[in-house]
Amino acid sequence: MRNIRLEKLIEREKELNCIYAVEEVLRKNDHKLEDVFQEIIGIIPSGYQYSTVCEVRIKYKNETLTSADFRETEWLQSSDIVVDENIEGSIDVAYTQLIRLHGDSAFLPQEQKLLNTIAGLLSDYIFYKDLQNTIEFLRNKETKQTQAKSILKEESDEHWKWRLK
């Protein structure tokens, strides 16, 4: 009984440390998005129970980045990256081999919550970066130098349309 509680606490500690590490990466605002994705891909397995057989893939728009040994298996977990109410990609976590089933899944229920939290943090980060690019574009409108960057779509922001009405 005591060992089971200790194991659960250790797993929660790993998940919290994983979230803290992801937040630390996202606080560094000067990195390219691809670099942020690579760092997060390296962090996510540390929050999982079986980190040695855990591989990660991030799909965003037309880009796909993966950990070195990622491959889709039947033990796959996914969470959407949602930016400005649009699904722009996903984070996928796969176990490359089955170690133990927890109910009907290879993953602990808390691991899906962990992945959803990381996807939410990443979604907010991308939205913030897009918002910065939009502001920069509007400030430099006459030069048209920043048109190649991501710009928030005026028609996709339902919240602000509602507020305007």
C-alpha atoms as a PDB file:
ATOM      1  CA  MET A   1       0.000   0.000   0.000  1.00  0.00           C
ATOM      2  CA  ARG A   2       2.746   2.450   0.961  1.00  0.00           C
ATOM      3  CA  ASN A   3       4.786   1.612  -2.170  1.00  0.00           C
ATOM      4  CA  ILE A   4       1.803   2.289  -4.432  1.00  0.00           C
ATOM      5  CA  ARG A   5       1.298   5.734  -2.885  1.00  0.00           C
ATOM      6  CA  LEU A   6       4.980   6.499  -3.222  1.00  0.00           C
ATOM      7  CA  GLU A   7       4.942   5.421  -6.887  1.00  0.00           C
ATOM      8  CA  LYS A   8       1.952   7.694  -7.558  1.00  0.00           C
ATOM      9  CA  LEU A   9       3.671  10.629  -5.888  1.00  0.00           C
ATOM     10  CA  ILE A  10       6.831  10.025  -7.896  1.00  0.00           C
ATOM     11  CA  GLU A  11       4.795  10.010 -11.130  1.00  0.00           C
ATOM     12  CA  ARG A  12       3.057  13.291 -10.200  1.00  0.00           C
ATOM     13  CA  GLU A  13       6.455  14.832  -9.403  1.00  0.00           C
ATOM     14  CA  LYS A  14       7.742  13.810 -12.851  1.00  0.00           C
ATOM     15  CA  GLU A  15       4.680  15.371 -14.497  1.00  0.00           C
ATOM     16  CA  LEU A  16       5.075  18.638 -12.575  1.00  0.00           C
ATOM     17  CA  ASN A  17       8.779  18.845 -13.382  1.00  0.00           C
ATOM     18  CA  CYS A  18       7.931  18.267 -17.049  1.00  0.00           C
ATOM     19  CA  ILE A  19       5.395  21.117 -17.037  1.00  0.00           C
ATOM     20  CA  TYR A  20       7.874  23.413 -15.283  1.00  0.00           C
ATOM     21  CA  ALA A  21      10.548  22.612 -17.864  1.00  0.00           C
ATOM     22  CA  VAL A  22       8.139  23.308 -20.752  1.00  0.00           C
ATOM     23  CA  GLU A  23       7.124  26.624 -19.179  1.00  0.00           C
ATOM     24  CA  GLU A  24      10.800  27.545 -18.820  1.00  0.00           C
ATOM     25  CA  VAL A  25      11.352  26.938 -22.542  1.00  0.00           C
ATOM     26  CA  LEU A  26       8.301  29.028 -23.434  1.00  0.00           C
ATOM     27  CA  ARG A  27       9.511  31.943 -21.293  1.00  0.00           C
ATOM     28  CA  LYS A  28      12.511  32.307 -23.611  1.00  0.00           C
ATOM     29  CA  ASN A  29      10.740  34.474 -26.132  1.00  0.00           C
ATOM     30  CA  ASP A  30      13.619  34.938 -28.571  1.00  0.00           C
ATOM     31  CA  HIS A  31      13.786  31.391 -29.978  1.00  0.00           C
ATOM     32  CA  LYS A  32      12.471  30.287 -33.340  1.00  0.00           C
ATOM     33  CA  LEU A  33       9.355  28.120 -33.189  1.00  0.00           C
ATOM     34  CA  GLU A  34      11.225  25.108 -34.590  1.00  0.00           C
ATOM     35  CA  ASP A  35      13.785  25.359 -31.760  1.00  0.00           C
ATOM     36  CA  VAL A  36      10.999  25.592 -29.173  1.00  0.00           C
ATOM     37  CA  PHE A  37       9.383  22.462 -30.647  1.00  0.00           C
ATOM     38  CA  GLN A  38      12.687  20.553 -30.527  1.00  0.00           C
ATOM     39  CA  GLU A  39      13.251  21.479 -26.889  1.00  0.00           C
ATOM     40  CA  ILE A  40       9.731  20.429 -25.927  1.00  0.00           C
ATOM     41  CA  ILE A  41      10.133  17.148 -27.823  1.00  0.00           C
ATOM     42  CA  GLY A  42      13.178  16.487 -25.651  1.00  0.00           C
ATOM     43  CA  ILE A  43      11.334  17.341 -22.421  1.00  0.00           C
ATOM     44  CA  ILE A  44       8.020  15.493 -22.774  1.00  0.00           C
ATOM     45  CA  PRO A  45       9.309  11.931 -22.221  1.00  0.00           C
ATOM     46  CA  SER A  46      10.602  12.949 -18.773  1.00  0.00           C
ATOM     47  CA  GLY A  47       7.001  13.349 -17.598  1.00  0.00           C
ATOM     48  CA  TYR A  48       5.921   9.878 -18.650  1.00  0.00           C
ATOM     49  CA  GLN A  49       6.039   6.702 -16.628  1.00  0.00           C
ATOM     50  CA  TYR A  50       8.062   4.802 -19.229  1.00  0.00           C
ATOM     51  CA  SER A  51      10.296   7.575 -20.536  1.00  0.00           C
ATOM     52  CA  THR A  52      12.860   5.198 -22.062  1.00  0.00           C
ATOM     53  CA  VAL A  53      10.351   3.930 -24.643  1.00  0.00           C
ATOM     54  CA  CYS A  54       8.530   7.269 -25.073  1.00  0.00           C
ATOM     55  CA  GLU A  55       8.860   9.136 -28.371  1.00  0.00           C
ATOM     56  CA  VAL A  56       7.291  12.459 -29.410  1.00  0.00           C
ATOM     57  CA  ARG A  57       6.104  14.129 -32.612  1.00  0.00           C
ATOM     58  CA  ILE A  58       4.896  17.695 -33.044  1.00  0.00           C
ATOM     59  CA  LYS A  59       2.938  18.578 -36.168  1.00  0.00           C
ATOM     60  CA  TYR A  60       2.294  22.263 -36.794  1.00  0.00           C
ATOM     61  CA  LYS A  61       0.877  23.573 -40.050  1.00  0.00           C
ATOM     62  CA  ASN A  62       3.173  22.031 -42.707  1.00  0.00           C
ATOM     63  CA  GLU A  63       5.991  21.101 -40.329  1.00  0.00           C
ATOM     64  CA  THR A  64       6.558  17.785 -38.585  1.00  0.00           C
ATOM     65  CA  LEU A  65       9.298  17.379 -36.005  1.00  0.00           C
ATOM     66  CA  THR A  66       9.977  14.157 -34.145  1.00  0.00           C
ATOM     67  CA  SER A  67      12.264  12.645 -31.576  1.00  0.00           C
ATOM     68  CA  ALA A  68      14.978  10.433 -33.053  1.00  0.00           C
ATOM     69  CA  ASP A  69      13.154   7.099 -32.807  1.00  0.00           C
ATOM     70  CA  PHE A  70       9.537   8.211 -33.224  1.00  0.00           C
ATOM     71  CA  ARG A  71       7.232   5.833 -35.004  1.00  0.00           C
ATOM     72  CA  GLU A  72       3.491   5.437 -34.808  1.00  0.00           C
ATOM     73  CA  THR A  73       2.499   2.441 -32.752  1.00  0.00           C
ATOM     74  CA  GLU A  74      -0.777   1.191 -31.371  1.00  0.00           C
ATOM     75  CA  TRP A  75       0.184   2.920 -28.096  1.00  0.00           C
ATOM     76  CA  LEU A  76      -0.295   6.510 -29.221  1.00  0.00           C
ATOM     77  CA  GLN A  77      -1.609   9.516 -27.353  1.00  0.00           C
ATOM     78  CA  SER A  78      -2.420  12.861 -28.966  1.00  0.00           C
ATOM     79  CA  SER A  79      -3.483  16.403 -28.127  1.00  0.00           C
ATOM     80  CA  ASP A  80      -4.387  19.236 -30.508  1.00  0.00           C
ATOM     81  CA  ILE A  81      -2.538  22.515 -30.840  1.00  0.00           C
ATOM     82  CA  VAL A  82      -5.328  25.098 -31.066  1.00  0.00           C
ATOM     83  CA  VAL A  83      -4.428  28.650 -32.082  1.00  0.00           C
ATOM     84  CA  ASP A  84      -7.119  31.327 -32.310  1.00  0.00           C
ATOM     85  CA  GLU A  85      -9.860  28.669 -32.213  1.00  0.00           C
ATOM     86  CA  ASN A  86      -8.307  26.745 -35.115  1.00  0.00           C
ATOM     87  CA  ILE A  87      -6.634  23.353 -34.862  1.00  0.00           C
ATOM     88  CA  GLU A  88      -3.186  24.063 -36.288  1.00  0.00           C
ATOM     89  CA  GLY A  89      -1.422  20.832 -35.322  1.00  0.00           C
ATOM     90  CA  SER A  90      -0.915  18.208 -32.661  1.00  0.00           C
ATOM     91  CA  ILE A  91       1.502  16.711 -30.197  1.00  0.00           C
ATOM     92  CA  ASP A  92       1.700  12.933 -30.381  1.00  0.00           C
ATOM     93  CA  VAL A  93       3.345  10.669 -27.824  1.00  0.00           C
ATOM     94  CA  ALA A  94       3.992   7.013 -28.609  1.00  0.00           C
ATOM     95  CA  TYR A  95       5.412   4.157 -26.639  1.00  0.00           C
ATOM     96  CA  THR A  96       7.657   2.087 -28.886  1.00  0.00           C
ATOM     97  CA  GLN A  97       6.842  -1.027 -26.873  1.00  0.00           C
ATOM     98  CA  LEU A  98       4.181  -2.061 -24.402  1.00  0.00           C
ATOM     99  CA  ILE A  99       5.420  -2.399 -20.859  1.00  0.00           C
ATOM    100  CA  ARG A 100       2.167  -2.564 -18.938  1.00  0.00           C
ATOM    101  CA  LEU A 101      -1.504  -1.797 -19.491  1.00  0.00           C
ATOM    102  CA  HIS A 102      -3.303   0.574 -17.135  1.00  0.00           C
ATOM    103  CA  GLY A 103      -6.909  -0.412 -17.597  1.00  0.00           C
ATOM    104  CA  ASP A 104      -7.330  -0.432 -21.374  1.00  0.00           C
ATOM    105  CA  SER A 105      -4.434   1.935 -22.137  1.00  0.00           C
ATOM    106  CA  ALA A 106      -0.653   1.851 -22.053  1.00  0.00           C
ATOM    107  CA  PHE A 107      -0.760   5.384 -20.609  1.00  0.00           C
ATOM    108  CA  LEU A 108      -1.724   6.597 -17.168  1.00  0.00           C
ATOM    109  CA  PRO A 109      -4.842   8.838 -17.163  1.00  0.00           C
ATOM    110  CA  GLN A 110      -2.726  11.677 -15.778  1.00  0.00           C
ATOM    111  CA  GLU A 111      -0.416  11.446 -18.796  1.00  0.00           C
ATOM    112  CA  GLN A 112      -3.229  12.546 -21.117  1.00  0.00           C
ATOM    113  CA  LYS A 113      -3.849  15.504 -18.804  1.00  0.00           C
ATOM    114  CA  LEU A 114      -0.128  16.281 -18.920  1.00  0.00           C
ATOM    115  CA  LEU A 115      -0.122  16.205 -22.722  1.00  0.00           C
ATOM    116  CA  ASN A 116      -3.259  18.381 -22.890  1.00  0.00           C
ATOM    117  CA  THR A 117      -1.631  20.909 -20.536  1.00  0.00           C
ATOM    118  CA  ILE A 118       1.544  21.053 -22.622  1.00  0.00           C
ATOM    119  CA  ALA A 119      -0.486  21.426 -25.835  1.00  0.00           C
ATOM    120  CA  GLY A 120      -2.452  24.257 -24.200  1.00  0.00           C
ATOM    121  CA  LEU A 121       0.728  26.042 -23.103  1.00  0.00           C
ATOM    122  CA  LEU A 122       2.215  25.660 -26.575  1.00  0.00           C
ATOM    123  CA  SER A 123      -1.020  26.877 -28.193  1.00  0.00           C
ATOM    124  CA  ASP A 124      -0.996  30.006 -26.027  1.00  0.00           C
ATOM    125  CA  TYR A 125       2.668  30.603 -26.832  1.00  0.00           C
ATOM    126  CA  ILE A 126       2.072  30.362 -30.584  1.00  0.00           C
ATOM    127  CA  PHE A 127      -0.953  32.671 -30.327  1.00  0.00           C
ATOM    128  CA  TYR A 128       1.173  35.198 -28.433  1.00  0.00           C
ATOM    129  CA  LYS A 129       3.926  35.021 -31.080  1.00  0.00           C
ATOM    130  CA  ASP A 130       1.337  35.469 -33.862  1.00  0.00           C
ATOM    131  CA  LEU A 131      -0.128  38.423 -31.984  1.00  0.00           C
ATOM    132  CA  GLN A 132       3.333  39.992 -31.702  1.00  0.00           C
ATOM    133  CA  ASN A 133       3.847  39.503 -35.449  1.00  0.00           C
ATOM    134  CA  THR A 134       0.460  41.084 -36.157  1.00  0.00           C
ATOM    135  CA  ILE A 135       1.298  44.127 -34.050  1.00  0.00           C
ATOM    136  CA  GLU A 136       4.680  44.419 -35.743  1.00  0.00           C
ATOM    137  CA  PHE A 137       3.014  44.169 -39.147  1.00  0.00           C
ATOM    138  CA  LEU A 138       0.532  46.889 -38.285  1.00  0.00           C
ATOM    139  CA  ARG A 139       3.321  49.151 -37.034  1.00  0.00           C
ATOM    140  CA  ASN A 140       5.312  48.638 -40.227  1.00  0.00           C
ATOM    141  CA  LYS A 141       2.352  48.488 -42.588  1.00  0.00           C
ATOM    142  CA  GLU A 142       3.779  50.912 -45.113  1.00  0.00           C
ATOM    143  CA  THR A 143       7.069  49.027 -45.488  1.00  0.00           C
ATOM    144  CA  LYS A 144       5.427  45.615 -46.034  1.00  0.00           C
ATOM    145  CA  GLN A 145       8.596  43.924 -44.725  1.00  0.00           C
ATOM    146  CA  THR A 146       6.872  41.639 -42.254  1.00  0.00           C
ATOM    147  CA  GLN A 147       4.205  40.196 -44.555  1.00  0.00           C
ATOM    148  CA  ALA A 148       5.947  36.810 -44.695  1.00  0.00           C
ATOM    149  CA  LYS A 149       5.431  36.222 -40.958  1.00  0.00           C
ATOM    150  CA  SER A 150       2.368  34.627 -39.378  1.00  0.00           C
ATOM    151  CA  ILE A 151      -0.450  37.072 -38.950  1.00  0.00           C
ATOM    152  CA  LEU A 152      -3.651  36.415 -37.051  1.00  0.00           C
ATOM    153  CA  LYS A 153      -6.615  36.061 -39.327  1.00  0.00           C
ATOM    154  CA  GLU A 154      -9.181  38.788 -38.737  1.00  0.00           C
ATOM    155  CA  GLU A 155     -12.130  36.507 -39.497  1.00  0.00           C
ATOM    156  CA  SER A 156     -11.096  33.704 -37.136  1.00  0.00           C
ATOM    157  CA  ASP A 157     -11.280  35.532 -33.814  1.00  0.00           C
ATOM    158  CA  GLU A 158     -14.850  34.864 -32.718  1.00  0.00           C
ATOM    159  CA  HIS A 159     -14.284  36.282 -29.240  1.00  0.00           C
ATOM    160  CA  TRP A 160     -13.441  39.757 -30.496  1.00  0.00           C
ATOM    161  CA  LYS A 161     -16.275  39.719 -33.028  1.00  0.00           C
ATOM    162  CA  TRP A 162     -18.642  38.988 -30.174  1.00  0.00           C
ATOM    163  CA  ARG A 163     -17.116  41.806 -28.069  1.00  0.00           C
ATOM    164  CA  LEU A 164     -17.428  44.237 -30.953  1.00  0.00           C
ATOM    165  CA  LYS A 165     -21.163  43.513 -31.303  1.00  0.00           C
END
